[in-house]
Amino acid sequence: MRRWRGRFAQAGLPGLKGRRRCGRPASFAPLQATEVKALACRLPAETECRSPVGRVRNWPARPLPVRS
Protein backbone atom coordinates (compact mmCIF):
# COMPACT_ATOMS: atom_id res chain seq x y z
CA MET A 1 0.00 0.00 0.00
CA ARG A 2 2.76 2.40 0.89
CA ARG A 3 4.39 2.00 -2.51
CA TRP A 4 1.10 2.55 -4.32
CA ARG A 5 0.44 5.72 -2.34
CA GLY A 6 3.90 7.01 -3.20
CA ARG A 7 3.48 6.20 -6.88
CA PHE A 8 0.06 7.87 -6.89
CA ALA A 9 1.46 10.98 -5.18
CA GLN A 10 4.22 11.24 -7.78
CA ALA A 11 2.39 10.33 -11.00
CA GLY A 12 -1.35 10.26 -10.28
CA LEU A 13 -3.47 7.45 -11.76
CA PRO A 14 -0.92 6.54 -14.49
CA GLY A 15 1.55 5.78 -11.69
CA LEU A 16 -0.69 2.94 -10.50
CA LYS A 17 -0.43 0.98 -13.76
CA GLY A 18 1.20 -2.41 -13.51
CA ARG A 19 4.94 -2.50 -13.89
CA ARG A 20 7.20 -5.13 -15.35
CA ARG A 21 8.00 -7.85 -12.88
CA CYS A 22 10.80 -10.34 -12.66
CA GLY A 23 10.06 -14.00 -13.05
CA ARG A 24 8.32 -16.19 -15.53
CA PRO A 25 5.90 -14.48 -17.94
CA ALA A 26 2.22 -15.36 -17.94
CA SER A 27 1.52 -18.68 -19.63
CA PHE A 28 -2.02 -17.79 -20.69
CA ALA A 29 -3.07 -15.23 -23.26
CA PRO A 30 -5.34 -12.47 -21.89
CA LEU A 31 -8.32 -13.93 -23.77
CA GLN A 32 -7.74 -17.36 -22.21
CA ALA A 33 -7.51 -15.86 -18.73
CA THR A 34 -10.79 -13.98 -19.32
CA GLU A 35 -12.53 -17.16 -20.48
CA VAL A 36 -11.36 -19.08 -17.39
CA LYS A 37 -12.56 -16.30 -15.09
CA ALA A 38 -15.95 -16.22 -16.85
CA LEU A 39 -16.29 -19.99 -16.46
CA ALA A 40 -15.38 -19.79 -12.77
CA CYS A 41 -18.11 -17.19 -12.20
CA ARG A 42 -20.86 -19.33 -13.73
CA LEU A 43 -23.13 -21.53 -11.66
CA PRO A 44 -22.27 -25.26 -11.74
CA ALA A 45 -25.69 -26.07 -13.24
CA GLU A 46 -24.87 -23.83 -16.23
CA THR A 47 -21.68 -25.72 -17.04
CA GLU A 48 -20.92 -29.24 -18.15
CA CYS A 49 -18.53 -29.74 -15.22
CA ARG A 50 -19.57 -32.26 -12.60
CA SER A 51 -19.31 -31.28 -8.97
CA PRO A 52 -16.69 -33.19 -6.97
CA VAL A 53 -18.55 -32.60 -3.68
CA GLY A 54 -19.35 -36.28 -3.11
CA ARG A 55 -15.77 -37.28 -3.82
CA VAL A 56 -14.33 -34.54 -1.62
CA ARG A 57 -16.69 -35.35 1.25
CA ASN A 58 -15.52 -38.97 1.23
CA TRP A 59 -11.83 -38.12 0.85
CA PRO A 60 -9.65 -39.62 2.20
CA ALA A 61 -11.06 -43.13 2.32
CA ARG A 62 -8.62 -44.01 5.10
CA PRO A 63 -7.33 -41.78 7.90
CA LEU A 64 -4.25 -39.76 7.14
CA PRO A 65 -1.14 -40.68 9.16
CA VAL A 66 -0.31 -38.39 12.06
CA ARG A 67 3.11 -36.79 11.85
CA SER A 68 5.06 -36.22 15.03
PDB file of N, CA and C in Angstrom:
ATOM      1  N   MET A   1       0.822  -1.183   0.000  1.00  0.00           N
ATOM      2  CA  MET A   1       0.000   0.000   0.000  1.00  0.00           C
ATOM      3  C   MET A   1       0.873   1.257   0.000  1.00  0.00           C
ATOM      4  N   ARG A   2       1.897   1.228   0.778  1.00  0.00           N
ATOM      5  CA  ARG A   2       2.761   2.403   0.894  1.00  0.00           C
ATOM      6  C   ARG A   2       3.380   2.759  -0.456  1.00  0.00           C
ATOM      7  N   ARG A   3       3.799   1.744  -1.191  1.00  0.00           N
ATOM      8  CA  ARG A   3       4.392   1.998  -2.509  1.00  0.00           C
ATOM      9  C   ARG A   3       3.359   2.580  -3.459  1.00  0.00           C
ATOM     10  N   TRP A   4       2.150   2.039  -3.436  1.00  0.00           N
ATOM     11  CA  TRP A   4       1.098   2.547  -4.317  1.00  0.00           C
ATOM     12  C   TRP A   4       0.789   3.998  -3.994  1.00  0.00           C
ATOM     13  N   ARG A   5       0.722   4.321  -2.716  1.00  0.00           N
ATOM     14  CA  ARG A   5       0.437   5.721  -2.342  1.00  0.00           C
ATOM     15  C   ARG A   5       1.525   6.641  -2.854  1.00  0.00           C
ATOM     16  N   GLY A   6       2.781   6.204  -2.720  1.00  0.00           N
ATOM     17  CA  GLY A   6       3.896   7.012  -3.204  1.00  0.00           C
ATOM     18  C   GLY A   6       3.855   7.187  -4.711  1.00  0.00           C
ATOM     19  N   ARG A   7       3.568   6.101  -5.431  1.00  0.00           N
ATOM     20  CA  ARG A   7       3.484   6.204  -6.883  1.00  0.00           C
ATOM     21  C   ARG A   7       2.319   7.098  -7.295  1.00  0.00           C
ATOM     22  N   PHE A   8       1.203   7.022  -6.578  1.00  0.00           N
ATOM     23  CA  PHE A   8       0.055   7.872  -6.892  1.00  0.00           C
ATOM     24  C   PHE A   8       0.394   9.337  -6.612  1.00  0.00           C
ATOM     25  N   ALA A   9       1.085   9.595  -5.519  1.00  0.00           N
ATOM     26  CA  ALA A   9       1.457  10.976  -5.176  1.00  0.00           C
ATOM     27  C   ALA A   9       2.397  11.567  -6.227  1.00  0.00           C
ATOM     28  N   GLN A  10       3.273  10.752  -6.792  1.00  0.00           N
ATOM     29  CA  GLN A  10       4.224  11.241  -7.783  1.00  0.00           C
ATOM     30  C   GLN A  10       3.623  11.370  -9.175  1.00  0.00           C
ATOM     31  N   ALA A  11       2.828  10.370  -9.610  1.00  0.00           N
ATOM     32  CA  ALA A  11       2.389  10.329 -11.005  1.00  0.00           C
ATOM     33  C   ALA A  11       0.884  10.287 -11.198  1.00  0.00           C
ATOM     34  N   GLY A  12       0.102  10.324 -10.124  1.00  0.00           N
ATOM     35  CA  GLY A  12      -1.350  10.257 -10.278  1.00  0.00           C
ATOM     36  C   GLY A  12      -1.789   8.858 -10.691  1.00  0.00           C
ATOM     37  N   LEU A  13      -2.940   8.760 -11.357  1.00  0.00           N
ATOM     38  CA  LEU A  13      -3.470   7.455 -11.760  1.00  0.00           C
ATOM     39  C   LEU A  13      -2.527   6.685 -12.686  1.00  0.00           C
ATOM     40  N   PRO A  14      -1.845   7.326 -13.653  1.00  0.00           N
ATOM     41  CA  PRO A  14      -0.923   6.544 -14.490  1.00  0.00           C
ATOM     42  C   PRO A  14       0.186   5.863 -13.680  1.00  0.00           C
ATOM     43  N   GLY A  15       0.521   6.389 -12.522  1.00  0.00           N
ATOM     44  CA  GLY A  15       1.548   5.780 -11.687  1.00  0.00           C
ATOM     45  C   GLY A  15       1.127   4.461 -11.071  1.00  0.00           C
ATOM     46  N   LEU A  16      -0.193   4.171 -11.083  1.00  0.00           N
ATOM     47  CA  LEU A  16      -0.694   2.935 -10.498  1.00  0.00           C
ATOM     48  C   LEU A  16      -0.741   1.787 -11.495  1.00  0.00           C
ATOM     49  N   LYS A  17      -0.434   2.046 -12.758  1.00  0.00           N
ATOM     50  CA  LYS A  17      -0.432   0.980 -13.759  1.00  0.00           C
ATOM     51  C   LYS A  17       0.571  -0.095 -13.369  1.00  0.00           C
ATOM     52  N   GLY A  18       0.302  -1.302 -13.808  1.00  0.00           N
ATOM     53  CA  GLY A  18       1.198  -2.408 -13.506  1.00  0.00           C
ATOM     54  C   GLY A  18       2.571  -2.180 -14.109  1.00  0.00           C
ATOM     55  N   ARG A  19       3.568  -2.623 -13.417  1.00  0.00           N
ATOM     56  CA  ARG A  19       4.941  -2.497 -13.888  1.00  0.00           C
ATOM     57  C   ARG A  19       5.481  -3.867 -14.245  1.00  0.00           C
ATOM     58  N   ARG A  20       6.555  -3.865 -15.017  1.00  0.00           N
ATOM     59  CA  ARG A  20       7.204  -5.132 -15.349  1.00  0.00           C
ATOM     60  C   ARG A  20       7.680  -5.792 -14.070  1.00  0.00           C
ATOM     61  N   ARG A  21       7.576  -7.099 -14.051  1.00  0.00           N
ATOM     62  CA  ARG A  21       8.004  -7.853 -12.884  1.00  0.00           C
ATOM     63  C   ARG A  21       9.025  -8.899 -13.307  1.00  0.00           C
ATOM     64  N   CYS A  22       9.847  -9.272 -12.371  1.00  0.00           N
ATOM     65  CA  CYS A  22      10.796 -10.338 -12.658  1.00  0.00           C
ATOM     66  C   CYS A  22      10.050 -11.663 -12.591  1.00  0.00           C
ATOM     67  N   GLY A  23      10.672 -12.686 -13.109  1.00  0.00           N
ATOM     68  CA  GLY A  23      10.059 -14.004 -13.050  1.00  0.00           C
ATOM     69  C   GLY A  23       9.494 -14.444 -14.382  1.00  0.00           C
ATOM     70  N   ARG A  24       8.856 -15.561 -14.346  1.00  0.00           N
ATOM     71  CA  ARG A  24       8.319 -16.192 -15.535  1.00  0.00           C
ATOM     72  C   ARG A  24       7.127 -15.401 -16.071  1.00  0.00           C
ATOM     73  N   PRO A  25       7.046 -15.194 -17.379  1.00  0.00           N
ATOM     74  CA  PRO A  25       5.905 -14.478 -17.937  1.00  0.00           C
ATOM     75  C   PRO A  25       4.631 -15.317 -17.853  1.00  0.00           C
ATOM     76  N   ALA A  26       3.507 -14.664 -17.995  1.00  0.00           N
ATOM     77  CA  ALA A  26       2.218 -15.356 -17.935  1.00  0.00           C
ATOM     78  C   ALA A  26       2.161 -16.434 -19.007  1.00  0.00           C
ATOM     79  N   SER A  27       1.584 -17.578 -18.666  1.00  0.00           N
ATOM     80  CA  SER A  27       1.525 -18.679 -19.627  1.00  0.00           C
ATOM     81  C   SER A  27       0.205 -18.699 -20.387  1.00  0.00           C
ATOM     82  N   PHE A  28      -0.737 -17.868 -20.009  1.00  0.00           N
ATOM     83  CA  PHE A  28      -2.018 -17.788 -20.693  1.00  0.00           C
ATOM     84  C   PHE A  28      -2.144 -16.449 -21.393  1.00  0.00           C
ATOM     85  N   ALA A  29      -2.765 -16.464 -22.556  1.00  0.00           N
ATOM     86  CA  ALA A  29      -3.070 -15.226 -23.260  1.00  0.00           C
ATOM     87  C   ALA A  29      -4.180 -14.508 -22.491  1.00  0.00           C
ATOM     88  N   PRO A  30      -4.281 -13.192 -22.606  1.00  0.00           N
ATOM     89  CA  PRO A  30      -5.335 -12.470 -21.889  1.00  0.00           C
ATOM     90  C   PRO A  30      -6.742 -12.994 -22.181  1.00  0.00           C
ATOM     91  N   LEU A  31      -6.998 -13.396 -23.429  1.00  0.00           N
ATOM     92  CA  LEU A  31      -8.320 -13.929 -23.770  1.00  0.00           C
ATOM     93  C   LEU A  31      -8.580 -15.238 -23.031  1.00  0.00           C
ATOM     94  N   GLN A  32      -7.584 -16.103 -22.939  1.00  0.00           N
ATOM     95  CA  GLN A  32      -7.745 -17.362 -22.214  1.00  0.00           C
ATOM     96  C   GLN A  32      -8.014 -17.111 -20.736  1.00  0.00           C
ATOM     97  N   ALA A  33      -7.299 -16.176 -20.144  1.00  0.00           N
ATOM     98  CA  ALA A  33      -7.513 -15.859 -18.730  1.00  0.00           C
ATOM     99  C   ALA A  33      -8.925 -15.341 -18.510  1.00  0.00           C
ATOM    100  N   THR A  34      -9.425 -14.518 -19.424  1.00  0.00           N
ATOM    101  CA  THR A  34     -10.787 -13.983 -19.317  1.00  0.00           C
ATOM    102  C   THR A  34     -11.813 -15.101 -19.419  1.00  0.00           C
ATOM    103  N   GLU A  35     -11.595 -16.052 -20.328  1.00  0.00           N
ATOM    104  CA  GLU A  35     -12.528 -17.164 -20.477  1.00  0.00           C
ATOM    105  C   GLU A  35     -12.559 -18.039 -19.226  1.00  0.00           C
ATOM    106  N   VAL A  36     -11.415 -18.273 -18.615  1.00  0.00           N
ATOM    107  CA  VAL A  36     -11.364 -19.082 -17.393  1.00  0.00           C
ATOM    108  C   VAL A  36     -12.090 -18.366 -16.256  1.00  0.00           C
ATOM    109  N   LYS A  37     -11.884 -17.062 -16.139  1.00  0.00           N
ATOM    110  CA  LYS A  37     -12.564 -16.300 -15.089  1.00  0.00           C
ATOM    111  C   LYS A  37     -14.068 -16.311 -15.300  1.00  0.00           C
ATOM    112  N   ALA A  38     -14.511 -16.187 -16.561  1.00  0.00           N
ATOM    113  CA  ALA A  38     -15.948 -16.222 -16.852  1.00  0.00           C
ATOM    114  C   ALA A  38     -16.532 -17.584 -16.493  1.00  0.00           C
ATOM    115  N   LEU A  39     -15.817 -18.658 -16.796  1.00  0.00           N
ATOM    116  CA  LEU A  39     -16.292 -19.994 -16.456  1.00  0.00           C
ATOM    117  C   LEU A  39     -16.370 -20.174 -14.947  1.00  0.00           C
ATOM    118  N   ALA A  40     -15.392 -19.649 -14.226  1.00  0.00           N
ATOM    119  CA  ALA A  40     -15.381 -19.785 -12.767  1.00  0.00           C
ATOM    120  C   ALA A  40     -16.533 -19.032 -12.119  1.00  0.00           C
ATOM    121  N   CYS A  41     -17.029 -17.997 -12.773  1.00  0.00           N
ATOM    122  CA  CYS A  41     -18.112 -17.188 -12.203  1.00  0.00           C
ATOM    123  C   CYS A  41     -19.493 -17.750 -12.530  1.00  0.00           C
ATOM    124  N   ARG A  42     -19.575 -18.746 -13.382  1.00  0.00           N
ATOM    125  CA  ARG A  42     -20.862 -19.328 -13.731  1.00  0.00           C
ATOM    126  C   ARG A  42     -21.299 -20.331 -12.680  1.00  0.00           C
ATOM    127  N   LEU A  43     -22.601 -20.540 -12.585  1.00  0.00           N
ATOM    128  CA  LEU A  43     -23.134 -21.532 -11.662  1.00  0.00           C
ATOM    129  C   LEU A  43     -22.813 -22.931 -12.179  1.00  0.00           C
ATOM    130  N   PRO A  44     -22.589 -23.901 -11.294  1.00  0.00           N
ATOM    131  CA  PRO A  44     -22.268 -25.260 -11.741  1.00  0.00           C
ATOM    132  C   PRO A  44     -23.344 -25.848 -12.651  1.00  0.00           C
ATOM    133  N   ALA A  45     -24.613 -25.527 -12.416  1.00  0.00           N
ATOM    134  CA  ALA A  45     -25.694 -26.068 -13.240  1.00  0.00           C
ATOM    135  C   ALA A  45     -25.619 -25.548 -14.671  1.00  0.00           C
ATOM    136  N   GLU A  46     -24.985 -24.410 -14.891  1.00  0.00           N
ATOM    137  CA  GLU A  46     -24.875 -23.831 -16.228  1.00  0.00           C
ATOM    138  C   GLU A  46     -23.715 -24.417 -17.017  1.00  0.00           C
ATOM    139  N   THR A  47     -22.858 -25.176 -16.370  1.00  0.00           N
ATOM    140  CA  THR A  47     -21.681 -25.724 -17.042  1.00  0.00           C
ATOM    141  C   THR A  47     -21.822 -27.224 -17.209  1.00  0.00           C
ATOM    142  N   GLU A  48     -20.920 -27.804 -17.948  1.00  0.00           N
ATOM    143  CA  GLU A  48     -20.920 -29.244 -18.147  1.00  0.00           C
ATOM    144  C   GLU A  48     -20.022 -29.936 -17.136  1.00  0.00           C
ATOM    145  N   CYS A  49     -19.433 -29.171 -16.222  1.00  0.00           N
ATOM    146  CA  CYS A  49     -18.529 -29.737 -15.221  1.00  0.00           C
ATOM    147  C   CYS A  49     -19.335 -30.400 -14.115  1.00  0.00           C
ATOM    148  N   ARG A  50     -18.898 -31.579 -13.703  1.00  0.00           N
ATOM    149  CA  ARG A  50     -19.572 -32.259 -12.603  1.00  0.00           C
ATOM    150  C   ARG A  50     -18.960 -31.808 -11.290  1.00  0.00           C
ATOM    151  N   SER A  51     -19.780 -31.707 -10.282  1.00  0.00           N
ATOM    152  CA  SER A  51     -19.312 -31.280  -8.972  1.00  0.00           C
ATOM    153  C   SER A  51     -18.588 -32.418  -8.262  1.00  0.00           C
ATOM    154  N   PRO A  52     -17.423 -32.152  -7.686  1.00  0.00           N
ATOM    155  CA  PRO A  52     -16.690 -33.192  -6.965  1.00  0.00           C
ATOM    156  C   PRO A  52     -17.078 -33.277  -5.496  1.00  0.00           C
ATOM    157  N   VAL A  53     -18.210 -32.686  -5.100  1.00  0.00           N
ATOM    158  CA  VAL A  53     -18.553 -32.600  -3.676  1.00  0.00           C
ATOM    159  C   VAL A  53     -18.607 -33.979  -3.036  1.00  0.00           C
ATOM    160  N   GLY A  54     -19.257 -34.938  -3.687  1.00  0.00           N
ATOM    161  CA  GLY A  54     -19.347 -36.279  -3.111  1.00  0.00           C
ATOM    162  C   GLY A  54     -17.987 -36.905  -2.935  1.00  0.00           C
ATOM    163  N   ARG A  55     -17.105 -36.707  -3.912  1.00  0.00           N
ATOM    164  CA  ARG A  55     -15.772 -37.277  -3.816  1.00  0.00           C
ATOM    165  C   ARG A  55     -14.960 -36.581  -2.735  1.00  0.00           C
ATOM    166  N   VAL A  56     -15.097 -35.279  -2.615  1.00  0.00           N
ATOM    167  CA  VAL A  56     -14.332 -34.541  -1.617  1.00  0.00           C
ATOM    168  C   VAL A  56     -14.819 -34.894  -0.214  1.00  0.00           C
ATOM    169  N   ARG A  57     -16.130 -35.030  -0.057  1.00  0.00           N
ATOM    170  CA  ARG A  57     -16.691 -35.349   1.255  1.00  0.00           C
ATOM    171  C   ARG A  57     -16.166 -36.695   1.747  1.00  0.00           C
ATOM    172  N   ASN A  58     -15.970 -37.645   0.842  1.00  0.00           N
ATOM    173  CA  ASN A  58     -15.519 -38.975   1.229  1.00  0.00           C
ATOM    174  C   ASN A  58     -14.007 -39.114   1.211  1.00  0.00           C
ATOM    175  N   TRP A  59     -13.290 -38.041   0.907  1.00  0.00           N
ATOM    176  CA  TRP A  59     -11.830 -38.117   0.853  1.00  0.00           C
ATOM    177  C   TRP A  59     -11.254 -37.780   2.204  1.00  0.00           C
ATOM    178  N   PRO A  60     -10.265 -38.387   2.683  1.00  0.00           N
ATOM    179  CA  PRO A  60      -9.651 -39.619   2.198  1.00  0.00           C
ATOM    180  C   PRO A  60     -10.433 -40.832   2.675  1.00  0.00           C
ATOM    181  N   ALA A  61     -10.325 -41.908   1.959  1.00  0.00           N
ATOM    182  CA  ALA A  61     -11.058 -43.126   2.321  1.00  0.00           C
ATOM    183  C   ALA A  61     -10.514 -43.726   3.610  1.00  0.00           C
ATOM    184  N   ARG A  62      -9.226 -43.510   3.859  1.00  0.00           N
ATOM    185  CA  ARG A  62      -8.624 -44.012   5.099  1.00  0.00           C
ATOM    186  C   ARG A  62      -8.024 -42.818   5.849  1.00  0.00           C
ATOM    187  N   PRO A  63      -7.875 -42.904   7.137  1.00  0.00           N
ATOM    188  CA  PRO A  63      -7.334 -41.777   7.903  1.00  0.00           C
ATOM    189  C   PRO A  63      -5.911 -41.445   7.472  1.00  0.00           C
ATOM    190  N   LEU A  64      -5.607 -40.200   7.469  1.00  0.00           N
ATOM    191  CA  LEU A  64      -4.251 -39.759   7.143  1.00  0.00           C
ATOM    192  C   LEU A  64      -3.324 -40.047   8.311  1.00  0.00           C
ATOM    193  N   PRO A  65      -2.064 -40.411   8.052  1.00  0.00           N
ATOM    194  CA  PRO A  65      -1.137 -40.685   9.155  1.00  0.00           C
ATOM    195  C   PRO A  65      -0.814 -39.392   9.932  1.00  0.00           C
ATOM    196  N   VAL A  66      -0.623 -39.528  11.216  1.00  0.00           N
ATOM    197  CA  VAL A  66      -0.307 -38.395  12.063  1.00  0.00           C
ATOM    198  C   VAL A  66       1.205 -38.247  12.115  1.00  0.00           C
ATOM    199  N   ARG A  67       1.677 -37.052  11.796  1.00  0.00           N
ATOM    200  CA  ARG A  67       3.110 -36.792  11.848  1.00  0.00           C
ATOM    201  C   ARG A  67       3.477 -36.271  13.228  1.00  0.00           C
ATOM    202  N   SER A  68       4.638 -36.708  13.717  1.00  0.00           N
ATOM    203  CA  SER A  68       5.057 -36.219  15.034  1.00  0.00           C
ATOM    204  C   SER A  68       6.246 -35.317  14.932  1.00  0.00           C
TER     205      SER A  68
END
